[in-house]
Structure formats: structure tokens, C-alpha cells
Amino acid sequence: MSANLGDTTSTCSIELLNFHARVVGPTPIIRELGRYAAVTPKWAIDGGSGKVSRVYVVDDGGPSKSRYSVTRSGKTIWASGHADEVFPFLESTINAAAIEHSSGYFLLHAGAVTFQDRGVIFPAPGRSGKSSLVAALLGSGRFLYFSDEVAALDTQHHHLIPFAKSIAIREGAVQPLTPFLPGLAELGQFRRPDGDFVRFVAPRPEWVSQGPTQVRYVILPKYEPGADLRLLPIRRSNALKTILSESFNLQQYRAAGVSGVAKILEGAECFSLVFSDIGSAVRCVVSEVAPELERERPRSEC
């Protein structure tokens, strides 16, 4: 993301894979967008022509600040009287547009990180704990960030590519994640279009990967309050079934997408993970993916 801040009106550019967006609006809103939005590493940006795919214009209602709106191509696509809803709307809208626009990648609903050359994806529906797991693994200082919600697979080269968006943390996860991300509770609270209150964590520079990675682990997470920790091996066919069910663009790829993902899974170990405590889940994942780093808990206890 890049920003050009003026006295009253500013612009910023956001790039995700081969999608480019420009946001124009009041400087305080653009500054906030710059504070929370993720920066995609240059090597992961496809379509280097710099063409802007979509332009979004934000209006804050003038001096009264009583009505916020976003327009695209001259049409109002959103309006609200609440300032804390502006960034979540822009974030979700731009992410959705990038998913729609980004051809050439198999996209699925999943968190994604890597340790060295060991890419890990967490495919699962919403409220399964993907973002919490990704945030805690990053906060542990051991993993690099690819996404908390959209895993991008290059099925031609069998690579995992970053879909670098800000990490959305729901209110219920703030306290458990604070040991991993000190200061999380001090971040601004926002209301998403679905009504959830969240805090956004912008990926730190030290979390950014310097290149693509191979998918070596597929872990299907499921958060269950009060459940015992369980990390169990599963068949690749079961992992493939979940990946296909969580795909954003399977219809675009059809049989080629299925075979491409199946090829990627040939080099991956697959597990299901049930957890209720984020700290225990992180230790368990680390002990499996990066056993040379995990000295606090034997692998056999996962």
C-alpha cells in the first residue's frame, strides 16, 4: 500500500495479487487506512503495469461528519452515520473485489503462514479460529504471514502466494491473543458490515515473506469452547474435500483446479485440529511444523 497525504484530501493505493485499487478521501480517513492496511510485498504483485482496477471515493459529510459514504464509478455503494464502519467496509469490499478480479490463482477461505520453506494453510469456514491461529503464530516470532482469510495457490508452479490483508481479530479473541500481541487491546475497535466488532492488526515488516513457499501442511482448524486439544492426521482426500468446499473460484478452474490442488497436496501432511485454548493450539502446531523450535511441549502431547 502507498499513500499520498494532502492537507484535506488524500489518496492511497492498495495492491492484492493482480488487483489494484485507489482510495480517495479525507486525509484522516486515508491516514487510518494507511495505519491498518497491509502492504503486499512487491514480488507478490502480479500485473506490474500499475493499472488501477477500481477507484473508491470516500466522503465524510463535510464539517458535520454526520454521514459517511463510499462511491465507485459515480454511484454510492455504501453509506453510514458511523465513522468506525468506514475502514471495515473498504477492507471487505476491496478484498472481495481482489478475489473476484485475481485470475490465475486458486483462492480459498483459509489462513496461511510459513516457517522457512514449510507453508501451512488452515482451510475452514468462518469462526473456526483461523485468524486467531495466524495472529498467534506470527506473534510467537516464528512464522511469516501470507493471509488470515484468503490462501492464494499458484497451481501451475505449486506455490503459496501472499494475499496480504490486515488481520481481523474479533473481540472475544483479544484477551487470549494479548500474550502473543501485546497492545492488541489498545488498537481501535471497528464494526464490520456483518455487525461484528473487530480490531485490525497490520502485518509487521518482519512478518513479510521474501518469496513464495510450498504447501507442506494442511491443518483443518475448529475452535470448540471447552474441547480437549486434538491434532489428528487425516487423508489427503478429506483435506482436498474441505479445500474445494472453501474455494472462492472453483467454478473458474473446474477439473483443472481440482487436479492442481491435488498435485500440491501430494507434498503435504494433512491434519485436523480441535482446540479451545489458543496457546495450546499454537504450541501443538509449532511442535508439528517446526519441532526444532518447540522445547516447551513434547510432540506426543498434541
Protein backbone atom coordinates (compact mmCIF):
# COMPACT_ATOMS: atom_id res chain seq x y z
CA MET A 1 0.00 0.00 0.00
CA SER A 2 1.19 3.53 -0.79
CA ALA A 3 -0.35 6.82 0.30
CA ASN A 4 -0.22 10.44 -0.78
CA LEU A 5 -1.38 12.62 2.12
CA GLY A 6 -2.60 16.16 1.47
CA ASP A 7 -4.00 18.81 3.80
CA THR A 8 -7.64 17.88 3.31
CA THR A 9 -7.88 15.18 0.63
CA SER A 10 -5.51 12.28 0.11
CA THR A 11 -5.16 9.10 -1.93
CA CYS A 12 -3.76 5.65 -1.31
CA SER A 13 -3.18 2.62 -3.47
CA ILE A 14 -3.76 -0.97 -2.41
CA GLU A 15 -2.48 -3.97 -4.37
CA LEU A 16 -3.51 -7.57 -3.90
CA LEU A 17 -2.19 -10.14 -6.39
CA ASN A 18 -3.18 -8.66 -9.77
CA PHE A 19 -5.82 -6.30 -8.38
CA HIS A 20 -5.12 -2.60 -7.89
CA ALA A 21 -7.40 -0.21 -6.01
CA ARG A 22 -7.12 3.51 -5.32
CA VAL A 23 -8.97 5.15 -2.46
CA VAL A 24 -9.54 8.91 -2.42
CA GLY A 25 -10.93 10.69 0.62
CA PRO A 26 -10.40 12.97 3.60
CA THR A 27 -6.85 12.81 4.93
CA PRO A 28 -7.79 11.47 8.41
CA ILE A 29 -9.60 8.50 6.84
CA ILE A 30 -6.79 7.79 4.38
CA ARG A 31 -4.27 8.04 7.22
CA GLU A 32 -6.31 5.46 9.17
CA LEU A 33 -6.42 3.24 6.10
CA GLY A 34 -2.65 3.50 5.87
CA ARG A 35 -2.26 2.62 9.52
CA TYR A 36 -4.23 -0.62 9.36
CA ALA A 37 -3.95 -1.81 5.76
CA ALA A 38 -1.41 -4.48 4.88
CA VAL A 39 1.42 -3.99 2.40
CA THR A 40 1.81 -6.66 -0.27
CA PRO A 41 5.49 -7.48 -0.97
CA LYS A 42 6.48 -6.24 -4.42
CA TRP A 43 7.47 -9.72 -5.61
CA ALA A 44 3.90 -10.94 -4.95
CA ILE A 45 2.17 -8.24 -7.01
CA ASP A 46 1.07 -9.56 -10.38
CA GLY A 47 0.33 -7.28 -13.30
CA GLY A 48 3.09 -4.75 -12.76
CA SER A 49 1.65 -2.21 -15.20
CA GLY A 50 0.20 -0.29 -12.24
CA LYS A 51 -3.23 -0.09 -13.83
CA VAL A 52 -5.91 0.87 -11.31
CA SER A 53 -8.69 -1.68 -11.39
CA ARG A 54 -11.13 0.28 -9.26
CA VAL A 55 -11.32 3.69 -7.62
CA TYR A 56 -13.25 4.28 -4.39
CA VAL A 57 -14.11 7.79 -3.21
CA VAL A 58 -14.86 8.38 0.47
CA ASP A 59 -16.94 11.32 1.70
CA ASP A 60 -17.18 12.22 5.38
CA GLY A 61 -20.21 14.51 5.12
CA GLY A 62 -18.27 17.73 5.49
CA PRO A 63 -17.91 19.66 8.78
CA SER A 64 -20.83 17.86 10.43
CA LYS A 65 -19.22 14.38 9.98
CA SER A 66 -22.75 13.00 10.20
CA ARG A 67 -22.83 10.82 7.11
CA TYR A 68 -20.04 8.77 5.59
CA SER A 69 -20.30 7.31 2.12
CA VAL A 70 -18.26 5.44 -0.47
CA THR A 71 -18.82 5.82 -4.20
CA ARG A 72 -17.46 3.89 -7.16
CA SER A 73 -17.91 4.95 -10.78
CA GLY A 74 -20.07 7.83 -9.58
CA LYS A 75 -22.54 5.59 -7.70
CA THR A 76 -22.90 5.41 -3.93
CA ILE A 77 -22.23 1.82 -2.86
CA TRP A 78 -22.35 2.38 0.92
CA ALA A 79 -23.38 4.98 3.48
CA SER A 80 -23.44 5.16 7.26
CA GLY A 81 -23.53 7.62 10.11
CA HIS A 82 -20.73 5.82 11.97
CA ALA A 83 -17.04 6.58 11.41
CA ASP A 84 -15.97 3.22 12.82
CA GLU A 85 -17.64 1.43 9.90
CA VAL A 86 -15.69 3.14 7.09
CA PHE A 87 -12.45 1.15 7.20
CA PRO A 88 -14.12 -2.27 7.67
CA PHE A 89 -16.35 -1.59 4.66
CA LEU A 90 -13.40 -0.55 2.49
CA GLU A 91 -11.36 -3.52 3.69
CA SER A 92 -14.06 -6.09 2.98
CA THR A 93 -15.06 -4.50 -0.33
CA ILE A 94 -11.51 -4.29 -1.66
CA ASN A 95 -10.75 -7.85 -0.54
CA ALA A 96 -13.90 -9.13 -2.26
CA ALA A 97 -13.03 -7.23 -5.44
CA ALA A 98 -9.50 -8.64 -5.37
CA ILE A 99 -10.89 -12.18 -5.04
CA GLU A 100 -13.18 -11.55 -8.00
CA HIS A 101 -10.50 -9.89 -10.10
CA SER A 102 -7.46 -12.09 -9.41
CA SER A 103 -7.33 -14.63 -12.19
CA GLY A 104 -4.52 -17.14 -12.28
CA TYR A 105 -4.76 -18.17 -8.64
CA PHE A 106 -6.85 -20.80 -6.89
CA LEU A 107 -8.32 -18.89 -3.93
CA LEU A 108 -9.80 -20.45 -0.84
CA HIS A 109 -11.10 -19.43 2.57
CA ALA A 110 -8.05 -20.19 4.71
CA GLY A 111 -5.36 -18.72 6.89
CA ALA A 112 -1.80 -19.14 5.65
CA VAL A 113 1.67 -18.83 7.18
CA THR A 114 5.10 -20.29 6.57
CA PHE A 115 8.11 -21.36 8.59
CA GLN A 116 11.21 -21.42 6.40
CA ASP A 117 10.01 -23.36 3.33
CA ARG A 118 7.14 -25.08 5.13
CA GLY A 119 3.91 -23.42 4.09
CA VAL A 120 0.86 -24.06 6.27
CA ILE A 121 -2.74 -23.43 5.27
CA PHE A 122 -5.75 -23.53 7.60
CA PRO A 123 -8.84 -24.06 5.41
CA ALA A 124 -12.11 -23.71 7.31
CA PRO A 125 -15.38 -21.78 7.36
CA GLY A 126 -15.81 -18.61 9.38
CA ARG A 127 -15.46 -18.62 13.17
CA SER A 128 -13.17 -21.65 13.15
CA GLY A 129 -10.22 -19.79 14.67
CA LYS A 130 -8.16 -19.18 11.51
CA SER A 131 -7.31 -15.54 12.19
CA SER A 132 -6.52 -16.23 15.85
CA LEU A 133 -4.17 -19.08 14.94
CA VAL A 134 -2.41 -16.99 12.29
CA ALA A 135 -2.07 -13.98 14.60
CA ALA A 136 -0.72 -16.08 17.47
CA LEU A 137 1.79 -17.89 15.24
CA LEU A 138 3.03 -14.56 13.93
CA GLY A 139 3.21 -13.16 17.44
CA SER A 140 5.31 -16.13 18.51
CA GLY A 141 8.07 -14.75 16.29
CA ARG A 142 8.47 -17.98 14.36
CA PHE A 143 6.31 -17.66 11.26
CA LEU A 144 5.82 -15.37 8.26
CA TYR A 145 2.48 -14.06 7.07
CA PHE A 146 0.58 -14.97 3.92
CA SER A 147 -3.06 -14.34 4.92
CA ASP A 148 -5.58 -14.75 7.71
CA GLU A 149 -8.53 -15.38 5.40
CA VAL A 150 -7.61 -15.97 1.74
CA ALA A 151 -5.00 -18.51 0.69
CA ALA A 152 -3.77 -17.99 -2.88
CA LEU A 153 -2.41 -21.07 -4.63
CA ASP A 154 -0.42 -20.90 -7.84
CA THR A 155 -1.39 -24.33 -9.16
CA GLN A 156 0.98 -24.04 -12.13
CA HIS A 157 4.13 -23.65 -10.03
CA HIS A 158 2.67 -25.26 -6.88
CA HIS A 159 3.34 -22.16 -4.78
CA LEU A 160 1.55 -20.41 -1.94
CA ILE A 161 1.36 -16.64 -2.62
CA PRO A 162 0.52 -13.89 -0.09
CA PHE A 163 -2.94 -12.37 -0.05
CA ALA A 164 -1.77 -9.67 2.33
CA LYS A 165 -4.69 -8.17 4.20
CA SER A 166 -4.97 -6.80 7.70
CA ILE A 167 -5.74 -9.43 10.33
CA ALA A 168 -9.22 -9.06 11.79
CA ILE A 169 -9.46 -10.04 15.47
CA ARG A 170 -12.92 -10.42 16.99
CA GLU A 171 -13.48 -9.05 20.48
CA GLY A 172 -13.68 -12.49 22.08
CA ALA A 173 -10.15 -13.29 20.91
CA VAL A 174 -8.47 -10.09 22.12
CA GLN A 175 -7.67 -11.27 25.65
CA PRO A 176 -6.36 -14.75 24.66
CA LEU A 177 -4.17 -13.19 21.96
CA THR A 178 -2.70 -10.41 24.09
CA PRO A 179 0.24 -12.57 25.30
CA PHE A 180 1.21 -13.01 21.64
CA LEU A 181 0.37 -9.47 20.53
CA PRO A 182 0.93 -7.02 23.40
CA GLY A 183 -1.01 -3.82 22.86
CA LEU A 184 -3.78 -5.52 20.92
CA ALA A 185 -6.43 -4.23 23.33
CA GLU A 186 -5.25 -0.65 22.69
CA LEU A 187 -5.95 -0.83 18.96
CA GLY A 188 -9.05 0.88 17.63
CA GLN A 189 -12.32 -1.00 17.60
CA PHE A 190 -14.31 -1.17 14.36
CA ARG A 191 -17.69 -2.51 13.35
CA ARG A 192 -17.70 -4.73 10.29
CA PRO A 193 -20.54 -4.93 7.75
CA ASP A 194 -21.65 -8.22 9.36
CA GLY A 195 -22.08 -6.45 12.72
CA ASP A 196 -19.04 -7.95 14.43
CA PHE A 197 -16.73 -5.66 16.40
CA VAL A 198 -13.10 -6.28 15.49
CA ARG A 199 -9.62 -4.87 15.86
CA PHE A 200 -7.35 -4.85 12.83
CA VAL A 201 -3.68 -5.81 13.04
CA ALA A 202 -1.49 -4.58 10.21
CA PRO A 203 1.24 -7.13 9.43
CA ARG A 204 4.65 -6.01 10.70
CA PRO A 205 7.58 -5.73 8.27
CA GLU A 206 9.34 -8.67 9.96
CA TRP A 207 6.33 -10.88 9.19
CA VAL A 208 6.61 -10.36 5.42
CA SER A 209 7.87 -13.29 3.35
CA GLN A 210 10.60 -12.63 0.80
CA GLY A 211 9.27 -15.20 -1.66
CA PRO A 212 6.63 -17.85 -2.34
CA THR A 213 6.58 -21.11 -0.45
CA GLN A 214 5.45 -24.70 -0.87
CA VAL A 215 2.40 -26.02 0.98
CA ARG A 216 3.79 -28.64 3.34
CA TYR A 217 0.96 -28.76 5.87
CA VAL A 218 -2.82 -28.54 5.63
CA ILE A 219 -4.47 -28.17 9.03
CA LEU A 220 -8.25 -28.00 9.33
CA PRO A 221 -8.93 -25.93 12.47
CA LYS A 222 -12.05 -25.99 14.60
CA TYR A 223 -12.46 -23.88 17.70
CA GLU A 224 -14.69 -25.57 20.29
CA PRO A 225 -15.07 -23.96 23.74
CA GLY A 226 -14.05 -26.44 26.42
CA ALA A 227 -12.78 -29.07 23.97
CA ASP A 228 -9.63 -31.09 24.58
CA LEU A 229 -6.76 -30.33 22.23
CA ARG A 230 -6.60 -32.79 19.33
CA LEU A 231 -4.29 -32.80 16.33
CA LEU A 232 -5.06 -35.86 14.21
CA PRO A 233 -3.73 -37.00 10.82
CA ILE A 234 -6.35 -37.09 8.05
CA ARG A 235 -6.39 -38.38 4.49
CA ARG A 236 -5.36 -36.00 1.73
CA SER A 237 -8.71 -36.72 0.09
CA ASN A 238 -10.50 -35.31 3.15
CA ALA A 239 -8.28 -32.23 3.12
CA LEU A 240 -8.97 -31.79 -0.60
CA LYS A 241 -12.72 -32.01 0.02
CA THR A 242 -12.53 -29.19 2.58
CA ILE A 243 -10.32 -27.06 0.32
CA LEU A 244 -12.75 -27.39 -2.57
CA SER A 245 -15.72 -26.59 -0.34
CA GLU A 246 -13.95 -23.41 0.86
CA SER A 247 -12.83 -22.29 -2.61
CA PHE A 248 -13.82 -18.83 -3.85
CA ASN A 249 -13.29 -19.60 -7.55
CA LEU A 250 -13.63 -23.34 -8.10
CA GLN A 251 -16.12 -22.73 -10.93
CA GLN A 252 -13.43 -20.82 -12.80
CA TYR A 253 -10.94 -23.70 -12.55
CA ARG A 254 -13.24 -26.73 -12.53
CA ALA A 255 -11.35 -30.02 -13.17
CA ALA A 256 -8.03 -28.24 -13.70
CA GLY A 257 -8.35 -26.66 -10.28
CA VAL A 258 -9.09 -29.97 -8.60
CA SER A 259 -6.10 -31.67 -10.22
CA GLY A 260 -3.84 -28.70 -9.49
CA VAL A 261 -4.72 -28.64 -5.81
CA ALA A 262 -4.42 -32.42 -5.60
CA LYS A 263 -0.91 -32.12 -7.02
CA ILE A 264 0.00 -29.55 -4.36
CA LEU A 265 -1.33 -31.85 -1.64
CA GLU A 266 0.95 -34.67 -2.75
CA GLY A 267 3.77 -32.97 -0.86
CA ALA A 268 1.71 -32.02 2.19
CA GLU A 269 0.88 -33.62 5.51
CA CYS A 270 -2.76 -33.15 6.50
CA PHE A 271 -4.35 -32.85 9.93
CA SER A 272 -7.49 -31.80 11.75
CA LEU A 273 -7.07 -29.56 14.80
CA VAL A 274 -9.67 -29.11 17.53
CA PHE A 275 -8.81 -26.57 20.22
CA SER A 276 -10.25 -24.32 22.89
CA ASP A 277 -7.08 -22.63 24.12
CA ILE A 278 -5.06 -20.65 21.59
CA GLY A 279 -1.77 -21.03 23.46
CA SER A 280 -2.01 -24.82 23.49
CA ALA A 281 -3.01 -24.85 19.81
CA VAL A 282 -0.01 -22.75 18.83
CA ARG A 283 2.41 -24.99 20.76
CA CYS A 284 0.87 -28.00 19.08
CA VAL A 285 1.16 -26.53 15.57
CA VAL A 286 4.73 -25.40 16.19
CA SER A 287 5.71 -28.83 17.52
CA GLU A 288 4.45 -30.42 14.29
CA VAL A 289 5.59 -27.85 11.73
CA ALA A 290 8.79 -26.63 13.38
CA PRO A 291 9.81 -29.22 16.00
CA GLU A 292 13.33 -27.80 16.18
CA LEU A 293 11.86 -24.65 17.77
CA GLU A 294 9.45 -26.25 20.20
CA ARG A 295 11.06 -27.17 23.51
CA GLU A 296 8.21 -26.44 25.85
CA ARG A 297 5.94 -29.33 24.93
CA PRO A 298 6.72 -32.82 23.58
CA ARG A 299 5.11 -33.58 20.23
CA SER A 300 3.46 -36.67 21.71
CA GLU A 301 1.25 -34.48 23.92
CA CYS A 302 -0.55 -32.88 20.97
